[in-house]
Amino acid sequence: MRTIKKFRDGLNNILGAVPKIYQLQPIGNILEEILERILPLLNSEDAFILVDNLAEVTSADKSIFRGIGMYNVDVQNFMNMLDPKLMEAIGTARTKPEIIILKDGVILPLINEMR
């Protein structure tokens, strides 16, 4: 029962943030708001959203990144934080696209259904 209440409250919290998403504000602020609303559902304090252009993966300035907790760094420092196993998991999630469950986290690919 406690789990159901936690998810209900978490989903209500996310829905409460929807009007803020449509206000004119930097994309980083919107991503941070989304992360802050999702984390209580996951019992975590650390998360990130990374959106990049697959055609130009080498260009960090084409990426949209926002992290909170231990990932509250710029995209270049974030890339330096990644170990090879996590980089491989991110690549797999992005190219397949599929959810990757790791020992200490989950990678959820954001899918552009318009492609």
N, C-alpha and C. Protein backbone atom coordinates (compact mmCIF):
# COMPACT_ATOMS: atom_id res chain seq x y z
N MET A 1 0.82 -1.19 0.00
CA MET A 1 0.00 0.00 0.00
C MET A 1 0.87 1.27 0.00
N ARG A 2 1.97 1.21 0.74
CA ARG A 2 2.88 2.36 0.82
C ARG A 2 3.50 2.65 -0.55
N THR A 3 3.83 1.58 -1.30
CA THR A 3 4.41 1.75 -2.63
C THR A 3 3.42 2.41 -3.58
N ILE A 4 2.17 1.99 -3.52
CA ILE A 4 1.14 2.58 -4.38
C ILE A 4 0.98 4.05 -4.07
N LYS A 5 0.94 4.40 -2.78
CA LYS A 5 0.80 5.80 -2.37
C LYS A 5 2.01 6.61 -2.86
N LYS A 6 3.20 6.02 -2.74
CA LYS A 6 4.42 6.71 -3.17
C LYS A 6 4.37 7.02 -4.66
N PHE A 7 3.98 6.03 -5.47
CA PHE A 7 3.90 6.25 -6.92
C PHE A 7 2.78 7.21 -7.27
N ARG A 8 1.65 7.13 -6.58
CA ARG A 8 0.55 8.06 -6.84
C ARG A 8 1.00 9.48 -6.55
N ASP A 9 1.64 9.67 -5.39
CA ASP A 9 2.13 11.01 -5.03
C ASP A 9 3.19 11.49 -6.02
N GLY A 10 4.06 10.58 -6.43
CA GLY A 10 5.11 10.94 -7.39
C GLY A 10 4.53 11.35 -8.74
N LEU A 11 3.54 10.60 -9.21
CA LEU A 11 2.91 10.94 -10.49
C LEU A 11 2.15 12.26 -10.38
N ASN A 12 1.48 12.49 -9.26
CA ASN A 12 0.80 13.78 -9.05
C ASN A 12 1.81 14.93 -9.06
N ASN A 13 2.97 14.69 -8.47
CA ASN A 13 4.04 15.69 -8.44
C ASN A 13 4.52 16.01 -9.86
N ILE A 14 4.69 14.97 -10.68
CA ILE A 14 5.11 15.18 -12.07
C ILE A 14 4.04 15.95 -12.83
N LEU A 15 2.78 15.56 -12.67
CA LEU A 15 1.70 16.26 -13.36
C LEU A 15 1.61 17.72 -12.92
N GLY A 16 1.94 17.99 -11.67
CA GLY A 16 1.93 19.36 -11.17
C GLY A 16 2.99 20.22 -11.84
N ALA A 17 4.02 19.59 -12.37
CA ALA A 17 5.11 20.32 -13.02
C ALA A 17 4.82 20.63 -14.48
N VAL A 18 3.83 19.97 -15.07
CA VAL A 18 3.54 20.14 -16.50
C VAL A 18 3.34 21.60 -16.90
N PRO A 19 2.56 22.40 -16.17
CA PRO A 19 2.42 23.80 -16.58
C PRO A 19 3.75 24.55 -16.65
N LYS A 20 4.69 24.22 -15.77
CA LYS A 20 6.00 24.88 -15.79
C LYS A 20 6.77 24.55 -17.06
N ILE A 21 6.56 23.34 -17.58
CA ILE A 21 7.28 22.91 -18.77
C ILE A 21 6.94 23.80 -19.96
N TYR A 22 5.71 24.30 -20.00
CA TYR A 22 5.27 25.11 -21.14
C TYR A 22 5.61 26.59 -21.00
N GLN A 23 6.19 26.99 -19.88
CA GLN A 23 6.64 28.37 -19.73
C GLN A 23 7.94 28.53 -20.51
N LEU A 24 8.19 29.74 -20.99
CA LEU A 24 9.44 29.98 -21.69
C LEU A 24 10.57 30.02 -20.67
N GLN A 25 11.46 29.04 -20.76
CA GLN A 25 12.62 28.97 -19.89
C GLN A 25 13.67 28.09 -20.57
N PRO A 26 14.91 28.19 -20.14
CA PRO A 26 15.97 27.40 -20.76
C PRO A 26 15.68 25.90 -20.63
N ILE A 27 16.09 25.14 -21.65
CA ILE A 27 15.85 23.70 -21.67
C ILE A 27 16.49 23.02 -20.46
N GLY A 28 17.64 23.52 -20.01
CA GLY A 28 18.29 22.94 -18.84
C GLY A 28 17.42 23.01 -17.60
N ASN A 29 16.72 24.12 -17.43
CA ASN A 29 15.81 24.26 -16.28
C ASN A 29 14.65 23.28 -16.37
N ILE A 30 14.13 23.09 -17.58
CA ILE A 30 13.02 22.15 -17.77
C ILE A 30 13.49 20.73 -17.45
N LEU A 31 14.66 20.35 -17.95
CA LEU A 31 15.19 19.01 -17.69
C LEU A 31 15.44 18.79 -16.21
N GLU A 32 15.97 19.81 -15.54
CA GLU A 32 16.21 19.69 -14.10
C GLU A 32 14.90 19.49 -13.34
N GLU A 33 13.88 20.22 -13.73
CA GLU A 33 12.56 20.07 -13.11
C GLU A 33 12.02 18.66 -13.29
N ILE A 34 12.17 18.12 -14.49
CA ILE A 34 11.72 16.75 -14.76
C ILE A 34 12.48 15.77 -13.87
N LEU A 35 13.80 15.91 -13.80
CA LEU A 35 14.60 15.01 -12.97
C LEU A 35 14.19 15.09 -11.50
N GLU A 36 14.00 16.30 -11.00
CA GLU A 36 13.62 16.47 -9.60
C GLU A 36 12.28 15.80 -9.29
N ARG A 37 11.38 15.79 -10.24
CA ARG A 37 10.06 15.18 -10.03
C ARG A 37 10.10 13.66 -10.14
N ILE A 38 11.01 13.13 -10.93
CA ILE A 38 11.09 11.68 -11.13
C ILE A 38 11.87 10.98 -10.03
N LEU A 39 12.91 11.61 -9.50
CA LEU A 39 13.80 10.94 -8.55
C LEU A 39 13.12 10.35 -7.32
N PRO A 40 12.14 11.01 -6.71
CA PRO A 40 11.50 10.38 -5.55
C PRO A 40 10.86 9.03 -5.88
N LEU A 41 10.43 8.85 -7.11
CA LEU A 41 9.86 7.55 -7.50
C LEU A 41 10.92 6.46 -7.55
N LEU A 42 12.16 6.85 -7.79
CA LEU A 42 13.24 5.90 -7.98
C LEU A 42 14.12 5.72 -6.75
N ASN A 43 13.81 6.42 -5.68
CA ASN A 43 14.65 6.37 -4.47
C ASN A 43 16.12 6.67 -4.80
N SER A 44 16.33 7.73 -5.55
CA SER A 44 17.68 8.09 -5.95
C SER A 44 17.89 9.59 -5.78
N GLU A 45 19.15 9.98 -5.70
CA GLU A 45 19.49 11.40 -5.62
C GLU A 45 20.33 11.83 -6.82
N ASP A 46 20.73 10.88 -7.64
CA ASP A 46 21.61 11.15 -8.77
C ASP A 46 20.95 10.70 -10.07
N ALA A 47 20.92 11.60 -11.05
CA ALA A 47 20.35 11.25 -12.35
C ALA A 47 20.82 12.25 -13.39
N PHE A 48 20.67 11.87 -14.65
CA PHE A 48 20.99 12.78 -15.74
C PHE A 48 20.10 12.50 -16.93
N ILE A 49 19.95 13.52 -17.75
CA ILE A 49 19.32 13.40 -19.06
C ILE A 49 20.35 13.88 -20.06
N LEU A 50 20.61 13.06 -21.06
CA LEU A 50 21.57 13.41 -22.11
C LEU A 50 20.88 13.19 -23.45
N VAL A 51 20.78 14.24 -24.22
CA VAL A 51 20.19 14.16 -25.56
C VAL A 51 21.28 14.60 -26.53
N ASP A 52 21.59 13.73 -27.47
CA ASP A 52 22.59 14.12 -28.46
C ASP A 52 22.13 13.74 -29.86
N ASN A 53 22.80 14.30 -30.83
CA ASN A 53 22.50 14.05 -32.22
C ASN A 53 23.36 12.89 -32.68
N LEU A 54 22.73 11.75 -32.99
CA LEU A 54 23.50 10.56 -33.38
C LEU A 54 24.38 10.81 -34.59
N ALA A 55 23.97 11.69 -35.47
CA ALA A 55 24.77 11.96 -36.67
C ALA A 55 26.06 12.69 -36.33
N GLU A 56 26.08 13.39 -35.19
CA GLU A 56 27.25 14.18 -34.83
C GLU A 56 27.66 13.90 -33.39
N VAL A 57 27.91 12.62 -33.07
CA VAL A 57 28.20 12.23 -31.69
C VAL A 57 29.49 12.84 -31.16
N THR A 58 30.39 13.23 -32.02
CA THR A 58 31.67 13.75 -31.56
C THR A 58 31.58 15.20 -31.08
N SER A 59 30.50 15.86 -31.37
CA SER A 59 30.39 17.28 -31.03
C SER A 59 29.59 17.47 -29.74
N ALA A 60 30.30 17.75 -28.64
CA ALA A 60 29.65 17.92 -27.34
C ALA A 60 28.73 19.15 -27.33
N ASP A 61 29.03 20.15 -28.16
CA ASP A 61 28.20 21.35 -28.15
C ASP A 61 26.84 21.12 -28.80
N LYS A 62 26.64 19.98 -29.45
CA LYS A 62 25.35 19.63 -30.03
C LYS A 62 24.50 18.86 -29.02
N SER A 63 25.02 18.58 -27.85
CA SER A 63 24.31 17.80 -26.84
C SER A 63 23.53 18.69 -25.90
N ILE A 64 22.44 18.14 -25.40
CA ILE A 64 21.68 18.78 -24.34
C ILE A 64 21.85 17.88 -23.13
N PHE A 65 22.36 18.43 -22.05
CA PHE A 65 22.65 17.63 -20.87
C PHE A 65 22.21 18.37 -19.62
N ARG A 66 21.65 17.63 -18.68
CA ARG A 66 21.38 18.18 -17.36
C ARG A 66 21.49 17.03 -16.36
N GLY A 67 22.22 17.27 -15.30
CA GLY A 67 22.37 16.27 -14.26
C GLY A 67 22.09 16.87 -12.90
N ILE A 68 21.70 16.02 -11.97
CA ILE A 68 21.53 16.45 -10.59
C ILE A 68 22.23 15.44 -9.69
N GLY A 69 22.50 15.86 -8.47
CA GLY A 69 23.26 15.01 -7.56
C GLY A 69 24.70 14.94 -8.04
N MET A 70 25.27 13.75 -8.06
CA MET A 70 26.67 13.60 -8.47
C MET A 70 26.90 13.96 -9.94
N TYR A 71 25.82 14.02 -10.73
CA TYR A 71 25.93 14.37 -12.15
C TYR A 71 25.69 15.85 -12.42
N ASN A 72 25.67 16.67 -11.40
CA ASN A 72 25.45 18.11 -11.56
C ASN A 72 26.77 18.78 -11.99
N VAL A 73 27.17 18.47 -13.22
CA VAL A 73 28.40 18.99 -13.81
C VAL A 73 28.11 19.37 -15.26
N ASP A 74 29.06 20.02 -15.93
CA ASP A 74 28.84 20.31 -17.35
C ASP A 74 29.05 19.04 -18.17
N VAL A 75 28.62 19.08 -19.43
CA VAL A 75 28.62 17.87 -20.26
C VAL A 75 30.03 17.31 -20.46
N GLN A 76 31.03 18.17 -20.55
CA GLN A 76 32.40 17.68 -20.75
C GLN A 76 32.89 16.91 -19.52
N ASN A 77 32.65 17.46 -18.32
CA ASN A 77 33.03 16.74 -17.10
C ASN A 77 32.22 15.46 -16.94
N PHE A 78 30.95 15.50 -17.36
CA PHE A 78 30.13 14.30 -17.30
C PHE A 78 30.74 13.20 -18.17
N MET A 79 31.16 13.54 -19.37
CA MET A 79 31.75 12.54 -20.26
C MET A 79 33.01 11.94 -19.64
N ASN A 80 33.77 12.75 -18.90
CA ASN A 80 34.97 12.25 -18.23
C ASN A 80 34.64 11.33 -17.06
N MET A 81 33.43 11.47 -16.49
CA MET A 81 33.01 10.64 -15.36
C MET A 81 32.62 9.22 -15.78
N LEU A 82 32.29 9.05 -17.04
CA LEU A 82 31.74 7.77 -17.50
C LEU A 82 32.83 6.71 -17.62
N ASP A 83 32.56 5.55 -17.02
CA ASP A 83 33.48 4.44 -17.22
C ASP A 83 33.07 3.69 -18.49
N PRO A 84 33.96 2.87 -19.04
CA PRO A 84 33.66 2.19 -20.31
C PRO A 84 32.37 1.35 -20.27
N LYS A 85 32.10 0.70 -19.14
CA LYS A 85 30.90 -0.13 -19.03
C LYS A 85 29.63 0.72 -19.15
N LEU A 86 29.62 1.87 -18.47
CA LEU A 86 28.45 2.75 -18.54
C LEU A 86 28.32 3.37 -19.93
N MET A 87 29.44 3.73 -20.55
CA MET A 87 29.39 4.28 -21.91
C MET A 87 28.81 3.25 -22.88
N GLU A 88 29.22 2.00 -22.73
CA GLU A 88 28.70 0.94 -23.59
C GLU A 88 27.20 0.75 -23.37
N ALA A 89 26.76 0.79 -22.11
CA ALA A 89 25.34 0.63 -21.80
C ALA A 89 24.52 1.78 -22.38
N ILE A 90 25.03 3.00 -22.28
CA ILE A 90 24.34 4.16 -22.86
C ILE A 90 24.23 3.99 -24.37
N GLY A 91 25.31 3.57 -25.00
CA GLY A 91 25.30 3.35 -26.45
C GLY A 91 24.31 2.28 -26.86
N THR A 92 24.24 1.19 -26.10
CA THR A 92 23.29 0.11 -26.38
C THR A 92 21.86 0.60 -26.24
N ALA A 93 21.58 1.31 -25.15
CA ALA A 93 20.23 1.83 -24.92
C ALA A 93 19.82 2.78 -26.05
N ARG A 94 20.76 3.54 -26.52
CA ARG A 94 20.48 4.55 -27.54
C ARG A 94 20.27 3.92 -28.92
N THR A 95 21.08 2.94 -29.28
CA THR A 95 21.00 2.39 -30.64
C THR A 95 19.96 1.30 -30.80
N LYS A 96 19.61 0.57 -29.75
CA LYS A 96 18.69 -0.56 -29.93
C LYS A 96 17.25 -0.15 -30.17
N PRO A 97 16.60 0.76 -29.63
CA PRO A 97 16.62 1.35 -28.28
C PRO A 97 15.92 0.42 -27.28
N GLU A 98 16.55 0.24 -26.15
CA GLU A 98 15.97 -0.60 -25.11
C GLU A 98 16.41 -0.13 -23.74
N ILE A 99 15.62 -0.49 -22.74
CA ILE A 99 15.95 -0.13 -21.35
C ILE A 99 17.09 -1.04 -20.89
N ILE A 100 18.08 -0.45 -20.27
CA ILE A 100 19.22 -1.20 -19.75
C ILE A 100 19.18 -1.10 -18.22
N ILE A 101 19.15 -2.25 -17.56
CA ILE A 101 19.15 -2.28 -16.10
C ILE A 101 20.55 -2.68 -15.64
N LEU A 102 21.17 -1.80 -14.86
CA LEU A 102 22.50 -2.03 -14.32
C LEU A 102 22.40 -2.32 -12.83
N LYS A 103 23.51 -2.75 -12.25
CA LYS A 103 23.54 -3.02 -10.81
C LYS A 103 23.19 -1.78 -10.00
N ASP A 104 23.67 -0.63 -10.45
CA ASP A 104 23.46 0.60 -9.67
C ASP A 104 22.70 1.67 -10.44
N GLY A 105 21.84 1.26 -11.38
CA GLY A 105 21.06 2.26 -12.09
C GLY A 105 20.27 1.68 -13.25
N VAL A 106 19.54 2.55 -13.90
CA VAL A 106 18.72 2.18 -15.06
C VAL A 106 18.95 3.23 -16.14
N ILE A 107 19.06 2.79 -17.37
CA ILE A 107 19.18 3.71 -18.50
C ILE A 107 17.91 3.57 -19.33
N LEU A 108 17.19 4.68 -19.45
CA LEU A 108 15.95 4.72 -20.22
C LEU A 108 16.18 5.57 -21.46
N PRO A 109 16.15 4.97 -22.64
CA PRO A 109 16.35 5.78 -23.85
C PRO A 109 15.12 6.63 -24.14
N LEU A 110 15.34 7.86 -24.53
CA LEU A 110 14.26 8.74 -24.98
C LEU A 110 14.14 8.53 -26.49
N ILE A 111 12.97 8.19 -26.94
CA ILE A 111 12.79 7.82 -28.33
C ILE A 111 12.01 8.89 -29.08
N ASN A 112 12.54 9.31 -30.21
CA ASN A 112 11.87 10.26 -31.08
C ASN A 112 10.97 9.48 -32.02
N GLU A 113 9.69 9.48 -31.76
CA GLU A 113 8.75 8.71 -32.57
C GLU A 113 8.48 9.36 -33.91
N MET A 114 8.98 10.56 -34.13
CA MET A 114 8.76 11.27 -35.39
C MET A 114 9.77 10.85 -36.45
N ARG A 115 10.80 10.08 -36.08
CA ARG A 115 11.82 9.66 -37.05
C ARG A 115 11.27 8.56 -37.91
